[in-house]
C-alpha atoms as a PDB file:
ATOM      1  CA  MET A   1     -33.796  18.850  18.964  1.00  0.00           C
ATOM      2  CA  ALA A   2     -30.517  16.864  19.112  1.00  0.00           C
ATOM      3  CA  ARG A   3     -27.255  17.669  20.775  1.00  0.00           C
ATOM      4  CA  THR A   4     -24.174  16.858  18.632  1.00  0.00           C
ATOM      5  CA  ASN A   5     -20.550  16.300  19.517  1.00  0.00           C
ATOM      6  CA  SER A   6     -19.438  18.256  16.521  1.00  0.00           C
ATOM      7  CA  GLU A   7     -17.834  15.189  15.039  1.00  0.00           C
ATOM      8  CA  ALA A   8     -15.851  15.181  11.851  1.00  0.00           C
ATOM      9  CA  LEU A   9     -13.731  12.629   9.945  1.00  0.00           C
ATOM     10  CA  LEU A  10     -10.683  13.779   8.106  1.00  0.00           C
ATOM     11  CA  GLY A  11      -8.345  11.575   6.117  1.00  0.00           C
ATOM     12  CA  VAL A  12      -4.705  11.287   5.274  1.00  0.00           C
ATOM     13  CA  SER A  13      -3.361   8.784   2.580  1.00  0.00           C
ATOM     14  CA  SER A  14       0.175   7.765   1.786  1.00  0.00           C
ATOM     15  CA  ARG A  15       1.441   8.655  -1.575  1.00  0.00           C
ATOM     16  CA  ARG A  16       2.219   6.008  -4.243  1.00  0.00           C
ATOM     17  CA  GLY A  17       4.914   3.595  -3.436  1.00  0.00           C
ATOM     18  CA  SER A  18       4.526   3.297   0.271  1.00  0.00           C
ATOM     19  CA  ASN A  19       4.943  -0.168   1.734  1.00  0.00           C
ATOM     20  CA  ILE A  20       3.347   0.515   5.151  1.00  0.00           C
ATOM     21  CA  ASP A  21      -0.076  -1.208   5.657  1.00  0.00           C
ATOM     22  CA  TYR A  22      -2.188   1.146   7.770  1.00  0.00           C
ATOM     23  CA  SER A  23      -5.071  -1.319   7.988  1.00  0.00           C
ATOM     24  CA  LYS A  24      -3.284  -3.711  10.354  1.00  0.00           C
ATOM     25  CA  GLY A  25      -3.624  -3.312  13.984  1.00  0.00           C
ATOM     26  CA  ILE A  26      -6.034  -2.032  16.611  1.00  0.00           C
ATOM     27  CA  ALA A  27      -8.801   0.403  15.123  1.00  0.00           C
ATOM     28  CA  ILE A  28      -8.337   3.198  17.688  1.00  0.00           C
ATOM     29  CA  THR A  29      -4.989   3.177  19.480  1.00  0.00           C
ATOM     30  CA  SER A  30      -4.742   6.778  21.040  1.00  0.00           C
ATOM     31  CA  ILE A  31      -6.424  10.068  21.814  1.00  0.00           C
ATOM     32  CA  PHE A  32      -5.248  13.578  22.204  1.00  0.00           C
ATOM     33  CA  HIS A  33      -6.510  17.021  22.806  1.00  0.00           C
ATOM     34  CA  GLY A  34      -6.129  19.447  20.065  1.00  0.00           C
ATOM     35  CA  ASP A  35      -7.559  22.145  22.314  1.00  0.00           C
ATOM     36  CA  GLU A  36      -9.656  22.394  25.410  1.00  0.00           C
ATOM     37  CA  ALA A  37     -12.791  21.331  23.566  1.00  0.00           C
ATOM     38  CA  THR A  38     -11.341  18.918  20.872  1.00  0.00           C
ATOM     39  CA  CYS A  39     -10.425  15.344  21.134  1.00  0.00           C
ATOM     40  CA  ILE A  40      -8.737  13.756  18.133  1.00  0.00           C
ATOM     41  CA  GLU A  41      -8.287   9.838  17.622  1.00  0.00           C
ATOM     42  CA  PRO A  42      -6.393   8.286  14.802  1.00  0.00           C
ATOM     43  CA  VAL A  43      -8.420   5.369  13.312  1.00  0.00           C
ATOM     44  CA  ARG A  44      -7.616   2.509  11.147  1.00  0.00           C
ATOM     45  CA  PHE A  45     -10.120   0.725   8.850  1.00  0.00           C
ATOM     46  CA  PRO A  46      -9.892  -2.910   7.757  1.00  0.00           C
ATOM     47  CA  ASP A  47      -8.685  -3.607   4.227  1.00  0.00           C
ATOM     48  CA  GLY A  48     -11.625  -3.560   1.864  1.00  0.00           C
ATOM     49  CA  SER A  49     -13.294  -0.416   3.482  1.00  0.00           C
ATOM     50  CA  GLY A  50     -12.788   1.900   0.359  1.00  0.00           C
ATOM     51  CA  PHE A  51     -16.658   2.563   0.135  1.00  0.00           C
ATOM     52  CA  ILE A  52     -16.125   5.641   2.428  1.00  0.00           C
ATOM     53  CA  LEU A  53     -14.616   7.513  -0.436  1.00  0.00           C
ATOM     54  CA  LEU A  54     -18.115   7.858  -1.838  1.00  0.00           C
ATOM     55  CA  ILE A  55     -18.548  10.743   0.632  1.00  0.00           C
ATOM     56  CA  ALA A  56     -15.163  12.106   0.451  1.00  0.00           C
ATOM     57  CA  GLY A  57     -13.886  15.523  -0.890  1.00  0.00           C
ATOM     58  CA  PRO A  58     -10.768  17.443  -0.758  1.00  0.00           C
ATOM     59  CA  ILE A  59      -9.887  19.668   2.247  1.00  0.00           C
ATOM     60  CA  PHE A  60      -9.050  23.276   1.324  1.00  0.00           C
ATOM     61  CA  ASP A  61      -9.004  26.479   3.190  1.00  0.00           C
ATOM     62  CA  LYS A  62     -12.276  28.187   4.161  1.00  0.00           C
ATOM     63  CA  SER A  63     -13.637  31.278   2.537  1.00  0.00           C
ATOM     64  CA  PRO A  64     -16.893  32.985   3.081  1.00  0.00           C
ATOM     65  CA  LYS A  65     -17.556  33.181  -0.765  1.00  0.00           C
ATOM     66  CA  ALA A  66     -18.647  30.016  -2.564  1.00  0.00           C
ATOM     67  CA  VAL A  67     -16.886  30.997  -5.799  1.00  0.00           C
ATOM     68  CA  VAL A  68     -13.576  31.231  -4.021  1.00  0.00           C
ATOM     69  CA  ARG A  69     -14.126  27.857  -2.313  1.00  0.00           C
ATOM     70  CA  MET A  70     -14.986  26.283  -5.733  1.00  0.00           C
ATOM     71  CA  PHE A  71     -11.978  27.858  -7.314  1.00  0.00           C
ATOM     72  CA  ARG A  72      -9.676  26.459  -4.642  1.00  0.00           C
ATOM     73  CA  PHE A  73     -11.417  23.044  -4.858  1.00  0.00           C
ATOM     74  CA  VAL A  74     -10.579  23.030  -8.666  1.00  0.00           C
ATOM     75  CA  TRP A  75      -6.991  24.433  -8.097  1.00  0.00           C
ATOM     76  CA  GLU A  76      -6.144  21.735  -5.581  1.00  0.00           C
ATOM     77  CA  ILE A  77      -7.173  18.988  -8.039  1.00  0.00           C
ATOM     78  CA  LEU A  78      -5.238  20.591 -10.847  1.00  0.00           C
ATOM     79  CA  ARG A  79      -2.214  21.348  -8.694  1.00  0.00           C
ATOM     80  CA  HIS A  80      -1.912  17.717  -7.357  1.00  0.00           C
ATOM     81  CA  PRO A  81      -3.766  15.484  -9.874  1.00  0.00           C
ATOM     82  CA  LEU A  82      -1.906  12.340  -9.035  1.00  0.00           C
ATOM     83  CA  ASP A  83      -2.476  12.737  -5.272  1.00  0.00           C
ATOM     84  CA  GLN A  84      -6.190  13.377  -5.919  1.00  0.00           C
ATOM     85  CA  ALA A  85      -6.639  10.476  -8.261  1.00  0.00           C
ATOM     86  CA  TRP A  86      -4.617   8.169  -5.743  1.00  0.00           C
ATOM     87  CA  GLY A  87      -6.417   9.456  -2.729  1.00  0.00           C
ATOM     88  CA  HIS A  88      -9.723   8.577  -4.383  1.00  0.00           C
ATOM     89  CA  ASN A  89      -8.751   5.053  -5.555  1.00  0.00           C
ATOM     90  CA  PRO A  90     -10.964   2.873  -3.319  1.00  0.00           C
ATOM     91  CA  PHE A  91      -8.777  -0.283  -4.129  1.00  0.00           C
ATOM     92  CA  GLY A  92      -6.317  -0.581  -1.068  1.00  0.00           C
ATOM     93  CA  TRP A  93      -7.575   2.579   0.427  1.00  0.00           C
ATOM     94  CA  ALA A  94      -7.472   1.264   4.189  1.00  0.00           C
ATOM     95  CA  ARG A  95      -3.913  -0.044   3.525  1.00  0.00           C
ATOM     96  CA  ARG A  96      -2.673   3.399   2.763  1.00  0.00           C
ATOM     97  CA  SER A  97      -4.981   5.701   4.901  1.00  0.00           C
ATOM     98  CA  THR A  98      -5.513   6.968   8.296  1.00  0.00           C
ATOM     99  CA  ILE A  99      -8.673   8.678   9.473  1.00  0.00           C
ATOM    100  CA  LEU A 100      -8.721  11.349  12.310  1.00  0.00           C
ATOM    101  CA  LEU A 101     -11.838  11.120  14.167  1.00  0.00           C
ATOM    102  CA  VAL A 102     -12.496  14.606  15.729  1.00  0.00           C
ATOM    103  CA  MET A 103     -15.079  15.312  18.401  1.00  0.00           C
ATOM    104  CA  GLN A 104     -15.730  18.475  20.339  1.00  0.00           C
ATOM    105  CA  THR A 105     -17.552  18.973  23.697  1.00  0.00           C
ATOM    106  CA  THR A 106     -19.064  22.422  22.693  1.00  0.00           C
ATOM    107  CA  ASP A 107     -22.796  22.467  22.809  1.00  0.00           C
ATOM    108  CA  ASN A 108     -24.182  22.336  19.144  1.00  0.00           C
ATOM    109  CA  ARG A 109     -27.626  21.251  18.182  1.00  0.00           C
ATOM    110  CA  LEU A 110     -29.740  20.209  15.201  1.00  0.00           C
ATOM    111  CA  ARG A 111     -33.459  20.480  14.832  1.00  0.00           C
ATOM    112  CA  LEU A 112     -35.122  17.192  13.695  1.00  0.00           C
ATOM    113  CA  ARG A 113     -38.413  16.790  12.073  1.00  0.00           C
ATOM    114  CA  LEU A 114     -40.368  14.667   9.758  1.00  0.00           C
ATOM    115  CA  GLY A 115     -40.220  15.948   6.138  1.00  0.00           C
ATOM    116  CA  ARG A 116     -39.123  15.600   2.627  1.00  0.00           C
ATOM    117  CA  SER A 117     -35.766  16.663   0.985  1.00  0.00           C
ATOM    118  CA  LEU A 118     -33.558  15.788  -1.918  1.00  0.00           C
ATOM    119  CA  LEU A 119     -31.502  13.610   0.459  1.00  0.00           C
ATOM    120  CA  THR A 120     -34.467  11.539   1.217  1.00  0.00           C
ATOM    121  CA  PHE A 121     -35.455  11.350  -2.502  1.00  0.00           C
ATOM    122  CA  PHE A 122     -38.570  13.388  -1.455  1.00  0.00           C
ATOM    123  CA  ARG A 123     -39.931  10.593   0.650  1.00  0.00           C
ATOM    124  CA  ARG A 124     -41.232  11.423   4.093  1.00  0.00           C
ATOM    125  CA  ASP A 125     -38.235  10.813   6.565  1.00  0.00           C
ATOM    126  CA  ILE A 126     -36.351  12.496   9.331  1.00  0.00           C
ATOM    127  CA  ILE A 127     -34.671  15.602   8.206  1.00  0.00           C
ATOM    128  CA  SER A 128     -32.444  18.114  10.098  1.00  0.00           C
ATOM    129  CA  LYS A 129     -31.960  21.810  10.113  1.00  0.00           C
ATOM    130  CA  PRO A 130     -29.364  23.820  12.037  1.00  0.00           C
ATOM    131  CA  ASP A 131     -30.422  25.214  15.415  1.00  0.00           C
ATOM    132  CA  ILE A 132     -30.464  28.923  15.082  1.00  0.00           C
ATOM    133  CA  GLU A 133     -28.943  29.483  18.535  1.00  0.00           C
ATOM    134  CA  GLN A 134     -26.412  26.841  18.848  1.00  0.00           C
ATOM    135  CA  SER A 135     -25.717  25.691  15.075  1.00  0.00           C
ATOM    136  CA  LEU A 136     -23.100  23.054  14.146  1.00  0.00           C
ATOM    137  CA  PRO A 137     -20.030  24.813  12.793  1.00  0.00           C
ATOM    138  CA  PRO A 138     -19.323  24.139   9.100  1.00  0.00           C
ATOM    139  CA  ARG A 139     -15.696  23.375   9.870  1.00  0.00           C
ATOM    140  CA  ILE A 140     -13.425  22.697  12.883  1.00  0.00           C
ATOM    141  CA  ASN A 141     -10.286  24.572  12.302  1.00  0.00           C
ATOM    142  CA  ILE A 142      -8.152  22.757  14.722  1.00  0.00           C
ATOM    143  CA  ALA A 143      -9.100  19.520  12.935  1.00  0.00           C
ATOM    144  CA  HIS A 144      -7.720  20.872   9.637  1.00  0.00           C
ATOM    145  CA  GLN A 145      -4.649  22.073  11.180  1.00  0.00           C
ATOM    146  CA  VAL A 146      -3.935  18.754  12.838  1.00  0.00           C
ATOM    147  CA  THR A 147      -4.662  16.853   9.560  1.00  0.00           C
ATOM    148  CA  HIS A 148      -2.281  18.940   7.617  1.00  0.00           C
ATOM    149  CA  ALA A 149       0.451  18.640  10.363  1.00  0.00           C
ATOM    150  CA  PHE A 150      -0.057  14.924  10.447  1.00  0.00           C
ATOM    151  CA  ALA A 151       0.243  14.586   6.685  1.00  0.00           C
ATOM    152  CA  ASP A 152       3.413  16.746   6.638  1.00  0.00           C
ATOM    153  CA  LYS A 153       4.943  14.746   9.552  1.00  0.00           C
ATOM    154  CA  ASN A 154       4.459  11.483   7.706  1.00  0.00           C
ATOM    155  CA  LYS A 155       5.119  12.773   4.114  1.00  0.00           C
ATOM    156  CA  ARG A 156       1.618  11.714   3.142  1.00  0.00           C
ATOM    157  CA  SER A 157      -1.110  13.386   1.103  1.00  0.00           C
ATOM    158  CA  CYS A 158      -4.157  14.861   2.970  1.00  0.00           C
ATOM    159  CA  GLY A 159      -7.299  16.497   1.899  1.00  0.00           C
ATOM    160  CA  TRP A 160      -9.689  13.849   0.703  1.00  0.00           C
ATOM    161  CA  LEU A 161     -12.191  13.782   3.455  1.00  0.00           C
ATOM    162  CA  ASP A 162     -13.967  16.089   5.667  1.00  0.00           C
ATOM    163  CA  GLN A 163     -17.210  14.483   6.608  1.00  0.00           C
ATOM    164  CA  ARG A 164     -19.453  16.076   9.163  1.00  0.00           C
ATOM    165  CA  GLU A 165     -22.138  14.333  11.116  1.00  0.00           C
ATOM    166  CA  PRO A 166     -24.988  13.086   9.002  1.00  0.00           C
ATOM    167  CA  ALA A 167     -27.704  15.556   8.550  1.00  0.00           C
END
């Protein structure tokens, strides 16, 4: 069993034409509390760090139905095709992007064991499963709210990253 800090990475990118270079400066400059259990830190990455986009996807509202989530996923891409294309362009990504590192103090756990899975290409390796009693939540709502507010305040595009802890 492993305890997690419910960590998530969410990103915000400037739209085309911005002259600000967000890759310059100290990596983590501040921290604030989104609520009693959530700390959020804006993070800068050095120029040339666009590889992280390989694990990125758009942020869209939650729904208990997979069909609704898939429709919203496609709808956001169709609604903002230039933002989506620009947000997933790895060249110059760090110069135009800020990551919000979100961590919580809630007690969530994963069960670790040796096994095979699609993610390990069916080789024997460590795999994880949610703990039945204290499972990691699929989404941190305050993180999504803060990310959208940050994007709106800075007139930037958001929604290209919500990466949970590695499973």
